[in-house]
Protein backbone atom coordinates (compact mmCIF):
# COMPACT_ATOMS: atom_id res chain seq x y z
CA MET A 1 162.39 82.11 67.36
CA ARG A 2 164.09 80.75 64.24
CA ASP A 3 167.56 81.96 63.27
CA SER A 4 166.10 83.49 60.09
CA ASP A 5 163.60 85.44 62.21
CA ARG A 6 166.37 86.69 64.51
CA SER A 7 168.31 87.81 61.46
CA GLU A 8 165.27 89.63 60.05
CA VAL A 9 164.58 91.35 63.39
CA ALA A 10 168.21 92.50 63.54
CA HIS A 11 167.90 93.85 59.98
CA ILE A 12 164.68 95.72 60.85
CA LYS A 13 166.28 97.24 63.96
CA ARG A 14 169.30 98.41 61.95
CA ARG A 15 167.01 100.02 59.35
CA LEU A 16 164.98 101.78 62.05
CA ALA A 17 168.08 102.97 63.92
CA ALA A 18 169.61 104.35 60.70
CA GLU A 19 166.38 106.14 59.86
CA ILE A 20 166.10 107.68 63.33
CA ASP A 21 169.79 108.65 63.41
CA GLY A 22 169.55 110.22 59.95
CA PHE A 23 166.31 112.10 60.58
CA ASP A 24 166.78 115.85 60.21
CA PRO A 25 163.64 117.75 61.28
CA ALA A 26 164.80 120.87 59.46
CA GLY A 27 165.32 119.07 56.18
CA HIS A 28 162.87 116.18 56.15
CA GLY A 29 159.96 116.81 53.77
CA HIS A 30 157.77 119.86 54.16
CA GLY A 31 156.36 121.46 57.28
CA ILE A 32 157.44 122.94 60.56
CA ALA A 33 160.60 121.58 62.23
CA ASP A 34 158.99 121.57 65.71
CA TRP A 35 156.11 119.45 64.40
CA LYS A 36 158.58 117.03 62.78
CA THR A 37 160.55 116.81 66.03
CA SER A 38 157.31 115.90 67.83
CA THR A 39 156.53 113.33 65.15
CA LEU A 40 159.93 111.71 65.66
CA ALA A 41 159.36 111.58 69.44
CA ALA A 42 155.92 109.99 68.93
CA PHE A 43 157.42 107.49 66.49
CA ARG A 44 160.10 106.49 68.99
CA ASP A 45 157.44 106.05 71.68
CA ALA A 46 155.35 103.85 69.38
CA LEU A 47 158.18 101.47 68.47
CA ILE A 48 157.84 97.89 69.66
CA GLU A 49 160.00 94.81 69.44
CA PRO A 50 159.26 93.58 65.87
CA GLU A 51 156.55 90.91 65.90
CA LEU A 52 155.41 88.73 63.03
CA ARG A 53 151.78 89.40 62.10
CA LEU A 54 149.41 88.36 59.34
CA VAL A 55 148.56 91.16 56.94
CA ASN A 56 145.91 91.34 54.24
CA LEU A 57 147.25 92.66 50.93
CA ALA A 58 145.63 93.82 47.71
CA GLY A 59 144.00 91.11 45.64
CA GLY A 60 142.94 89.03 48.63
CA ILE A 61 146.46 87.87 49.41
CA THR A 62 147.45 87.25 53.03
CA ASP A 63 151.09 87.10 54.08
CA GLU A 64 153.27 87.69 57.13
CA ALA A 65 154.92 91.02 57.90
CA TRP A 66 156.67 92.48 60.93
CA ALA A 67 154.78 94.99 63.07
CA VAL A 68 157.25 97.64 64.28
CA THR A 69 154.89 100.08 66.05
CA ARG A 70 152.02 99.57 68.43
CA SER A 71 148.59 100.42 67.13
CA ASN A 72 147.30 103.94 67.64
CA GLY A 73 143.80 102.44 67.56
CA ALA A 74 143.55 102.58 63.79
CA TYR A 75 147.02 102.22 62.22
CA ARG A 76 150.42 100.65 62.72
CA VAL A 77 153.66 100.48 60.76
CA LEU A 78 154.84 97.16 59.32
CA TRP A 79 158.05 95.93 57.71
CA LEU A 80 157.36 94.06 54.46
CA PRO A 81 160.43 91.87 53.92
CA TRP A 82 159.51 90.90 50.34
CA ALA A 83 159.19 94.60 49.38
CA ASP A 84 162.21 95.80 51.40
CA ALA A 85 160.02 98.65 52.67
CA PHE A 86 157.90 99.79 55.54
CA SER A 87 154.14 100.04 55.16
CA LEU A 88 151.16 101.62 56.86
CA ALA A 89 148.42 99.17 57.76
CA VAL A 90 144.96 99.79 59.10
CA GLU A 91 143.54 97.73 61.95
CA SER A 92 140.25 96.18 60.85
CA ARG A 93 137.81 93.53 61.96
CA TYR A 94 139.58 91.29 59.42
CA GLY A 95 143.03 91.95 60.84
CA LEU A 96 145.77 94.21 59.51
CA VAL A 97 145.20 95.56 56.01
CA ASP A 98 148.06 97.05 54.00
CA ILE A 99 146.83 100.35 52.54
CA SER A 100 149.69 100.81 50.05
CA VAL A 101 151.48 103.61 51.88
CA HIS A 102 155.05 102.32 51.53
CA GLY A 103 158.51 103.74 52.09
CA ASP A 104 160.47 104.74 55.15
CA ALA A 105 159.05 103.99 58.60
CA ILE A 106 158.84 107.59 59.85
CA GLY A 107 157.19 108.69 56.61
CA CYS A 108 154.57 105.95 56.88
CA PHE A 109 154.01 106.74 60.56
CA SER A 110 153.65 110.47 59.95
CA SER A 111 151.19 110.08 57.09
CA VAL A 112 148.25 109.76 59.51
């Protein structure tokens, strides 16, 4: 792994840790706190060591992004370094496809 990749992985892990540490089920978005607590637990279980993957973007562009969750069979969360944001991607026969759900990792994860 290149030094720049190690640095990016460390950055991703810091962002994820800060998001998890700062997650307040009683105050995060709308809904029932118990459901949000379950979502956080499922998110933690889905986390993987960040791995560089090809992703298909709007306009026929293909680039590399960092997968941060395992697939649930249809979706996974990615880190888009050029956008400084997390993204929800769908698994397809053509590979990962960014579906323009961007923001924080838990928010992307909980949107499906």
